[in-house]
Amino acid sequence: PYPDKRVNAKVYALIGDDKQAIYAFRGADPEEFIRRSDLGDVKGDFETVVLETNYRSGGMIVGAANNLIAHNVIEDPLTGKEISLQIPMVCNVLSSNENKGVIEAIPVGKVSEAAEQAADSIQELLKSGYSLGESAEKATFGIALRTNAEAYAYCVALIKRGIPFRSKVDVFGNFTTKALLRYLQLSTTNDLEDLNDAVISLHRTPDFKLGSAFEKALRANATDNYYDWLLNNWRSFPFSGRGASWKRGQLEKYVKNLRMVREVYNSYEPDAFLEAIFNLEGTDEDFNPITFKKSLIEHIKQNEDEMDMLSQESTSDTGEVSDEAVAAKAMAHVEIIKQVLDVYGSLKNAVAFIKKLQKLNDKTSKEDDGAEPAVLIGTAHGWK
């Protein structure tokens, strides 16, 4: 087009599918497309060619889609009558797919109930002899959802049953879960990279006020094993300037925490392990002792997005957020770890399953890299 919006061509083509126009919330207006078709109730000036054969789905699924599409009507603003504001078509099924595909409508209440039901069905099918698939790319089971926000409940339901999955929802990427995973790694891992990652990160949850200077100095001075090096060298750690003595005292407390988790808590039962982690103490903004659990709550209070969401969900007329609501939000992500621990019964087995899920759901990987097959979770739009 020219700068003044004029266009100059002999033939114009508009290509699209008004049945998949789902972006009205972003300003898309399918009516502009539909009204130009010469097949609609409102006759446009564009000759319309319809692709009528579905090459992908089985007969029952195509039939169900046709039934739903037939009811796409709106109220005409001029006459008040219902009109079919769509380009009319009935989709045909490929002859070889005529008797394929099964669809069943099962009414449920909450998303969590649907997730539990779906996970139960998958578990029963796996027990009856079905596999998760030939490979990561050829999965047997897929869960198609309206939005990614619904996926969290399905991830939790599958975790409870020990069923691996792949999803765009990063269930292990939030602040709380990352910290708990590092404590689990610290207590169980023999992998040096995982151990060092835990040691260099956990001074922030709960906070010991050691800061990034501590991390930089640790990387520069420690030998291969950061844990062993700190146990033997914390007294001579190269702090400098004002407050060096106070920081060395904080480091002593941090090393004590690390040692308790690595050498004592690792023998605890899962529930006792989590309780012990929640009671670990660091230092708050006023330099007073603060437990790990309380620091999670404070993290929510300082997160504007989280507090805005809680305010919108509040039953108070003023949108005031209760301490109980903040605490519940802070502990919500702990449920994922609890479910894994309940399923696997031991810290080491739980960590192994979590690492498996992390590999399956690694967003930085461009290829499957030999990943095992898993249940696929995504939006229906993302799979179309």
Protein backbone atom coordinates (compact mmCIF):
# COMPACT_ATOMS: atom_id res chain seq x y z
CA PRO A 1 0.00 0.00 0.00
CA TYR A 2 0.90 3.62 -0.49
CA PRO A 3 1.48 5.90 2.53
CA ASP A 4 -2.09 7.24 2.14
CA LYS A 5 -3.43 3.62 2.46
CA ARG A 6 -4.32 3.36 -1.27
CA VAL A 7 -3.51 0.07 -2.95
CA ASN A 8 -3.10 -0.60 -6.63
CA ALA A 9 -3.48 -4.15 -7.94
CA LYS A 10 -5.70 -6.02 -10.36
CA VAL A 11 -6.35 -8.98 -8.05
CA TYR A 12 -6.68 -9.04 -4.26
CA ALA A 13 -6.81 -12.19 -2.13
CA LEU A 14 -7.88 -12.48 1.50
CA ILE A 15 -6.80 -15.77 3.07
CA GLY A 16 -7.98 -17.01 6.44
CA ASP A 17 -10.38 -19.11 8.49
CA ASP A 18 -13.14 -17.26 10.31
CA LYS A 19 -13.81 -20.41 12.38
CA GLN A 20 -10.45 -19.94 14.07
CA ALA A 21 -10.75 -16.22 14.74
CA ILE A 22 -9.91 -16.27 18.45
CA TYR A 23 -7.98 -13.01 18.83
CA ALA A 24 -10.84 -10.55 19.35
CA PHE A 25 -9.30 -9.73 22.74
CA ARG A 26 -6.31 -8.33 20.81
CA GLY A 27 -8.45 -6.24 18.52
CA ALA A 28 -8.99 -8.70 15.66
CA ASP A 29 -12.36 -8.31 13.92
CA PRO A 30 -13.37 -11.38 11.86
CA GLU A 31 -16.47 -9.54 10.59
CA GLU A 32 -14.26 -7.45 8.30
CA PHE A 33 -13.12 -10.69 6.68
CA ILE A 34 -16.53 -12.42 6.63
CA ARG A 35 -18.50 -9.49 5.15
CA ARG A 36 -16.28 -9.47 2.05
CA SER A 37 -17.25 -13.05 1.12
CA ASP A 38 -19.96 -13.59 -1.50
CA LEU A 39 -21.16 -16.70 0.40
CA GLY A 40 -22.26 -15.14 3.70
CA ASP A 41 -25.65 -13.78 4.78
CA VAL A 42 -24.18 -10.34 4.14
CA LYS A 43 -23.10 -10.62 0.51
CA GLY A 44 -19.64 -9.27 -0.15
CA ASP A 45 -17.83 -8.60 -3.39
CA PHE A 46 -15.09 -11.26 -3.07
CA GLU A 47 -15.53 -14.59 -4.83
CA THR A 48 -14.90 -17.26 -2.18
CA VAL A 49 -13.09 -20.57 -2.61
CA VAL A 50 -13.55 -22.92 0.35
CA LEU A 51 -11.18 -25.76 1.25
CA GLU A 52 -13.70 -28.36 2.39
CA THR A 53 -11.69 -31.50 3.23
CA ASN A 54 -10.03 -32.15 6.60
CA TYR A 55 -6.95 -34.31 6.06
CA ARG A 56 -6.01 -34.57 9.73
CA SER A 57 -8.92 -35.67 11.94
CA GLY A 58 -11.16 -38.72 12.17
CA GLY A 59 -14.84 -38.76 11.23
CA MET A 60 -16.29 -38.29 14.73
CA ILE A 61 -14.10 -35.27 15.45
CA VAL A 62 -14.91 -33.63 12.12
CA GLY A 63 -18.63 -34.26 12.69
CA ALA A 64 -18.51 -32.75 16.17
CA ALA A 65 -16.71 -29.67 14.82
CA ASN A 66 -19.33 -29.26 12.09
CA ASN A 67 -22.13 -29.41 14.68
CA LEU A 68 -20.50 -26.72 16.80
CA ILE A 69 -19.72 -24.44 13.87
CA ALA A 70 -23.32 -24.60 12.65
CA HIS A 71 -24.38 -22.64 15.74
CA ASN A 72 -22.07 -19.67 15.14
CA VAL A 73 -24.66 -16.88 15.13
CA ILE A 74 -24.86 -13.27 16.28
CA GLU A 75 -27.65 -10.74 16.68
CA ASP A 76 -27.98 -8.36 13.73
CA PRO A 77 -27.72 -4.84 15.22
CA LEU A 78 -30.16 -3.50 12.60
CA THR A 79 -32.96 -6.10 12.75
CA GLY A 80 -32.37 -7.78 16.11
CA LYS A 81 -32.58 -11.18 14.38
CA GLU A 82 -30.00 -13.93 14.65
CA ILE A 83 -27.83 -14.22 11.57
CA SER A 84 -25.07 -16.66 10.72
CA LEU A 85 -22.13 -14.30 10.53
CA GLN A 86 -19.68 -16.77 9.08
CA ILE A 87 -18.64 -18.12 5.72
CA PRO A 88 -20.85 -21.21 5.42
CA MET A 89 -19.24 -24.58 4.92
CA VAL A 90 -19.46 -28.20 6.02
CA CYS A 91 -16.11 -29.84 6.45
CA ASN A 92 -15.69 -33.24 4.79
CA VAL A 93 -13.56 -36.02 6.22
CA LEU A 94 -10.92 -37.84 4.20
CA SER A 95 -12.40 -41.21 3.18
CA SER A 96 -9.56 -43.15 4.82
CA ASN A 97 -10.32 -41.40 8.14
CA GLU A 98 -14.08 -41.88 8.03
CA ASN A 99 -14.32 -44.36 10.91
CA LYS A 100 -11.43 -43.05 12.94
CA GLY A 101 -11.39 -40.84 16.00
CA VAL A 102 -13.46 -40.90 19.16
CA ILE A 103 -14.87 -37.91 21.00
CA GLU A 104 -16.74 -37.91 24.29
CA ALA A 105 -18.12 -34.96 26.26
CA ILE A 106 -17.71 -35.36 30.04
CA PRO A 107 -19.14 -32.55 32.19
CA VAL A 108 -16.92 -31.45 35.08
CA GLY A 109 -16.90 -28.60 37.57
CA LYS A 110 -13.52 -27.04 38.27
CA VAL A 111 -10.40 -27.25 36.14
CA SER A 112 -8.73 -29.23 38.94
CA GLU A 113 -11.49 -31.86 38.74
CA ALA A 114 -11.05 -32.18 34.98
CA ALA A 115 -7.29 -32.53 35.50
CA GLU A 116 -7.73 -35.32 38.04
CA GLN A 117 -10.15 -37.14 35.75
CA ALA A 118 -7.84 -36.86 32.74
CA ALA A 119 -4.84 -38.05 34.76
CA ASP A 120 -6.84 -41.01 36.10
CA SER A 121 -7.83 -42.00 32.56
CA ILE A 122 -4.24 -41.84 31.33
CA GLN A 123 -3.03 -43.85 34.33
CA GLU A 124 -5.64 -46.57 33.71
CA LEU A 125 -4.70 -46.79 30.03
CA LEU A 126 -1.01 -47.09 30.92
CA LYS A 127 -1.84 -49.90 33.34
CA SER A 128 -3.86 -51.68 30.63
CA GLY A 129 -0.87 -51.84 28.29
CA TYR A 130 -0.68 -48.48 26.51
CA SER A 131 2.72 -46.78 26.31
CA LEU A 132 3.53 -43.08 26.49
CA GLY A 133 4.58 -43.24 22.84
CA GLU A 134 7.28 -44.29 20.43
CA SER A 135 9.39 -41.19 21.13
CA ALA A 136 9.21 -37.68 22.53
CA GLU A 137 7.85 -36.49 19.17
CA LYS A 138 5.30 -39.31 18.79
CA ALA A 139 3.36 -39.22 22.03
CA THR A 140 0.30 -41.39 22.71
CA PHE A 141 -1.46 -38.88 24.97
CA GLY A 142 -2.12 -35.17 24.49
CA ILE A 143 -4.11 -32.73 26.59
CA ALA A 144 -5.39 -29.74 24.62
CA LEU A 145 -6.53 -26.79 26.74
CA ARG A 146 -8.08 -23.39 26.15
CA THR A 147 -5.25 -21.47 27.84
CA ASN A 148 -1.83 -22.19 29.32
CA ALA A 149 -3.16 -20.95 32.66
CA GLU A 150 -5.23 -24.16 32.93
CA ALA A 151 -2.18 -26.37 32.39
CA TYR A 152 -0.81 -26.03 35.94
CA ALA A 153 -3.62 -28.20 37.38
CA TYR A 154 -2.93 -30.92 34.81
CA CYS A 155 0.80 -30.85 35.57
CA VAL A 156 0.07 -31.32 39.29
CA ALA A 157 -2.38 -34.17 38.60
CA LEU A 158 0.17 -36.03 36.45
CA ILE A 159 2.96 -35.46 38.97
CA LYS A 160 0.78 -37.05 41.69
CA ARG A 161 0.70 -40.20 39.58
CA GLY A 162 4.35 -40.14 38.56
CA ILE A 163 3.50 -39.61 34.88
CA PRO A 164 6.04 -37.52 32.91
CA PHE A 165 4.78 -34.64 30.76
CA ARG A 166 5.91 -31.86 28.47
CA SER A 167 4.31 -28.44 28.80
CA LYS A 168 4.97 -24.76 28.12
CA VAL A 169 4.05 -24.08 31.75
CA ASP A 170 7.25 -23.90 33.79
CA VAL A 171 6.05 -25.57 37.00
CA PHE A 172 9.57 -25.55 38.45
CA GLY A 173 10.53 -22.02 37.43
CA ASN A 174 8.96 -19.96 40.21
CA PHE A 175 10.94 -18.50 43.13
CA THR A 176 9.67 -20.96 45.76
CA THR A 177 10.10 -24.15 43.77
CA LYS A 178 13.58 -23.20 42.55
CA ALA A 179 14.76 -22.69 46.13
CA LEU A 180 13.26 -25.97 47.36
CA LEU A 181 14.78 -27.85 44.43
CA ARG A 182 18.20 -26.49 45.29
CA TYR A 183 17.80 -27.66 48.88
CA LEU A 184 16.82 -31.09 47.59
CA GLN A 185 19.86 -31.08 45.31
CA LEU A 186 22.11 -30.05 48.19
CA SER A 187 20.86 -32.92 50.34
CA THR A 188 21.08 -35.70 47.74
CA THR A 189 23.22 -34.93 44.71
CA ASN A 190 26.57 -36.40 43.79
CA ASP A 191 26.71 -34.20 40.70
CA LEU A 192 29.30 -31.48 41.24
CA GLU A 193 27.55 -28.95 38.99
CA ASP A 194 24.24 -29.34 40.87
CA LEU A 195 26.01 -29.15 44.24
CA ASN A 196 27.91 -25.99 43.33
CA ASP A 197 24.74 -24.40 41.93
CA ALA A 198 22.98 -25.01 45.25
CA VAL A 199 25.87 -23.71 47.38
CA ILE A 200 26.32 -20.50 45.38
CA SER A 201 22.57 -19.73 45.25
CA LEU A 202 20.96 -20.69 48.57
CA HIS A 203 22.48 -17.83 50.56
CA ARG A 204 19.58 -15.78 49.15
CA THR A 205 16.75 -18.06 50.40
CA PRO A 206 16.62 -17.25 53.23
CA ASP A 207 18.89 -14.24 52.75
CA PHE A 208 22.20 -13.99 54.64
CA LYS A 209 23.07 -10.55 53.19
CA LEU A 210 26.23 -11.91 51.57
CA GLY A 211 25.36 -10.46 48.17
CA SER A 212 26.82 -10.95 44.72
CA ALA A 213 30.33 -10.11 46.00
CA PHE A 214 30.25 -13.40 47.92
CA GLU A 215 29.34 -15.35 44.79
CA LYS A 216 32.10 -13.66 42.78
CA ALA A 217 34.73 -14.35 45.46
CA LEU A 218 33.59 -17.96 45.87
CA ARG A 219 33.92 -18.61 42.14
CA ALA A 220 37.35 -16.97 42.09
CA ASN A 221 38.82 -18.74 45.14
CA ALA A 222 37.07 -22.08 45.60
CA THR A 223 38.38 -25.35 44.27
CA ASP A 224 36.12 -27.68 42.27
CA ASN A 225 33.79 -28.54 45.17
CA TYR A 226 32.32 -25.33 46.61
CA TYR A 227 30.72 -27.15 49.54
CA ASP A 228 33.90 -28.80 50.80
CA TRP A 229 35.91 -25.65 50.18
CA LEU A 230 33.53 -23.49 52.24
CA LEU A 231 33.47 -25.95 55.12
CA ASN A 232 37.26 -25.77 55.32
CA ASN A 233 37.85 -22.10 54.46
CA TRP A 234 34.91 -19.97 55.65
CA ARG A 235 37.02 -18.49 58.49
CA SER A 236 39.51 -17.08 55.98
CA PHE A 237 37.00 -16.13 53.29
CA PRO A 238 38.27 -12.94 51.56
CA PHE A 239 35.75 -10.38 52.81
CA SER A 240 37.08 -6.82 52.82
CA GLY A 241 36.11 -3.34 53.91
CA ARG A 242 33.61 -2.28 56.56
CA GLY A 243 31.36 -5.04 57.83
CA ALA A 244 33.81 -7.84 56.91
CA SER A 245 33.64 -9.28 60.43
CA TRP A 246 29.82 -9.18 60.44
CA LYS A 247 29.68 -10.88 57.03
CA ARG A 248 32.02 -13.61 58.25
CA GLY A 249 29.56 -14.23 61.07
CA GLN A 250 26.74 -14.47 58.49
CA LEU A 251 28.83 -16.87 56.42
CA GLU A 252 29.34 -19.06 59.50
CA LYS A 253 25.54 -19.30 59.87
CA TYR A 254 25.12 -20.05 56.18
CA VAL A 255 27.76 -22.81 56.26
CA LYS A 256 26.01 -24.30 59.29
CA ASN A 257 22.74 -24.38 57.30
CA LEU A 258 24.44 -26.02 54.34
CA ARG A 259 26.01 -28.66 56.54
CA MET A 260 22.72 -29.46 58.31
CA VAL A 261 20.91 -29.93 54.98
CA ARG A 262 23.74 -31.94 53.38
CA GLU A 263 24.66 -34.17 56.32
CA VAL A 264 21.62 -34.35 58.63
CA TYR A 265 18.37 -33.49 56.84
CA ASN A 266 19.18 -35.85 53.97
CA SER A 267 18.22 -38.78 56.22
CA TYR A 268 14.84 -37.27 57.14
CA GLU A 269 11.48 -38.45 55.88
CA PRO A 270 10.08 -36.08 53.19
CA ASP A 271 7.60 -34.24 55.46
CA ALA A 272 10.24 -33.74 58.15
CA PHE A 273 12.74 -32.57 55.52
CA LEU A 274 10.39 -29.83 54.24
CA GLU A 275 9.56 -28.71 57.77
CA ALA A 276 13.27 -28.47 58.61
CA ILE A 277 13.95 -26.43 55.45
CA PHE A 278 11.07 -24.04 56.26
CA ASN A 279 12.63 -23.37 59.68
CA LEU A 280 16.11 -22.51 58.40
CA GLU A 281 16.99 -18.95 59.44
CA GLY A 282 18.52 -16.09 57.52
CA THR A 283 18.39 -12.30 57.98
CA ASP A 284 15.60 -9.89 57.00
CA GLU A 285 15.84 -6.28 55.78
CA ASP A 286 16.07 -5.03 59.38
CA PHE A 287 18.86 -7.53 60.13
CA ASN A 288 16.61 -9.65 62.31
CA PRO A 289 16.36 -13.46 62.02
CA ILE A 290 13.84 -14.69 59.44
CA THR A 291 12.89 -18.25 58.54
CA PHE A 292 12.85 -19.58 55.00
CA LYS A 293 9.06 -19.91 55.17
CA LYS A 294 8.65 -16.31 56.28
CA SER A 295 11.02 -15.13 53.55
CA LEU A 296 8.75 -16.77 50.94
CA ILE A 297 5.83 -14.78 52.34
CA GLU A 298 7.84 -11.56 52.26
CA HIS A 299 8.78 -12.27 48.64
CA ILE A 300 5.07 -12.33 47.73
CA LYS A 301 4.44 -9.08 49.62
CA GLN A 302 7.19 -7.35 47.66
CA ASN A 303 5.94 -8.62 44.30
CA GLU A 304 3.49 -6.05 42.88
CA ASP A 305 2.02 -8.43 40.30
CA GLU A 306 1.31 -11.12 42.88
CA MET A 307 -0.26 -8.62 45.29
CA ASP A 308 -2.40 -7.09 42.53
CA MET A 309 -3.71 -10.54 41.67
CA LEU A 310 -4.48 -11.29 45.31
CA SER A 311 -6.25 -7.95 45.62
CA GLN A 312 -8.48 -8.77 42.65
CA GLU A 313 -9.33 -12.13 44.24
CA SER A 314 -10.01 -10.60 47.65
CA THR A 315 -13.53 -10.80 49.08
CA SER A 316 -12.99 -7.48 50.84
CA ASP A 317 -14.86 -4.46 49.45
CA THR A 318 -11.63 -2.49 49.52
CA GLY A 319 -9.53 -5.24 47.91
CA GLU A 320 -7.50 -5.60 51.10
CA VAL A 321 -5.30 -8.73 51.07
CA SER A 322 -5.22 -10.78 54.27
CA ASP A 323 -2.05 -12.26 55.77
CA GLU A 324 -3.63 -15.68 55.35
CA ALA A 325 -4.10 -15.11 51.60
CA VAL A 326 -0.47 -14.02 51.20
CA ALA A 327 0.77 -17.06 53.13
CA ALA A 328 -1.40 -19.39 51.06
CA LYS A 329 -0.05 -17.88 47.85
CA ALA A 330 3.53 -18.24 49.06
CA MET A 331 3.03 -21.91 49.88
CA ALA A 332 0.96 -22.82 46.79
CA HIS A 333 4.03 -23.76 44.74
CA VAL A 334 5.26 -26.00 47.56
CA GLU A 335 2.44 -28.37 46.58
CA ILE A 336 4.32 -29.48 43.47
CA ILE A 337 7.32 -30.60 45.55
CA LYS A 338 5.05 -32.24 48.15
CA GLN A 339 3.30 -34.25 45.46
CA VAL A 340 6.60 -35.53 44.05
CA LEU A 341 7.84 -36.45 47.53
CA ASP A 342 4.57 -38.25 48.30
CA VAL A 343 4.77 -40.28 45.09
CA TYR A 344 8.42 -41.28 45.34
CA GLY A 345 8.82 -41.52 49.12
CA SER A 346 12.52 -40.64 49.18
CA LEU A 347 14.39 -37.42 48.54
CA LYS A 348 16.78 -39.01 46.05
CA ASN A 349 14.04 -40.62 43.92
CA ALA A 350 12.03 -37.39 43.99
CA VAL A 351 14.99 -35.38 42.73
CA ALA A 352 15.58 -37.91 39.93
CA PHE A 353 11.96 -37.57 38.75
CA ILE A 354 12.08 -33.77 38.92
CA LYS A 355 15.30 -33.67 36.88
CA LYS A 356 13.62 -35.92 34.33
CA LEU A 357 10.69 -33.49 34.07
CA GLN A 358 13.06 -30.53 33.82
CA LYS A 359 14.86 -32.16 30.91
CA LEU A 360 11.57 -32.94 29.16
CA ASN A 361 10.43 -29.34 29.60
CA ASP A 362 13.72 -27.57 28.92
CA LYS A 363 12.78 -24.50 26.84
CA THR A 364 16.38 -23.92 25.73
CA SER A 365 16.65 -27.29 23.99
CA LYS A 366 16.11 -27.09 20.22
CA GLU A 367 15.85 -30.85 19.83
CA ASP A 368 14.43 -33.72 21.86
CA ASP A 369 17.98 -34.97 22.46
CA GLY A 370 16.80 -38.52 23.13
CA ALA A 371 14.16 -37.40 25.62
CA GLU A 372 11.67 -40.02 26.71
CA PRO A 373 8.06 -39.93 25.49
CA ALA A 374 5.65 -38.08 27.76
CA VAL A 375 2.11 -36.71 27.93
CA LEU A 376 1.92 -33.50 25.87
CA ILE A 377 0.09 -30.54 27.43
CA GLY A 378 -0.68 -27.45 25.35
CA THR A 379 -3.34 -25.14 24.04
CA ALA A 380 -5.68 -26.27 21.27
CA HIS A 381 -4.65 -23.16 19.30
CA GLY A 382 -0.98 -24.05 19.69
CA TRP A 383 -1.59 -27.47 18.14
CA LYS A 384 -3.82 -26.47 15.24
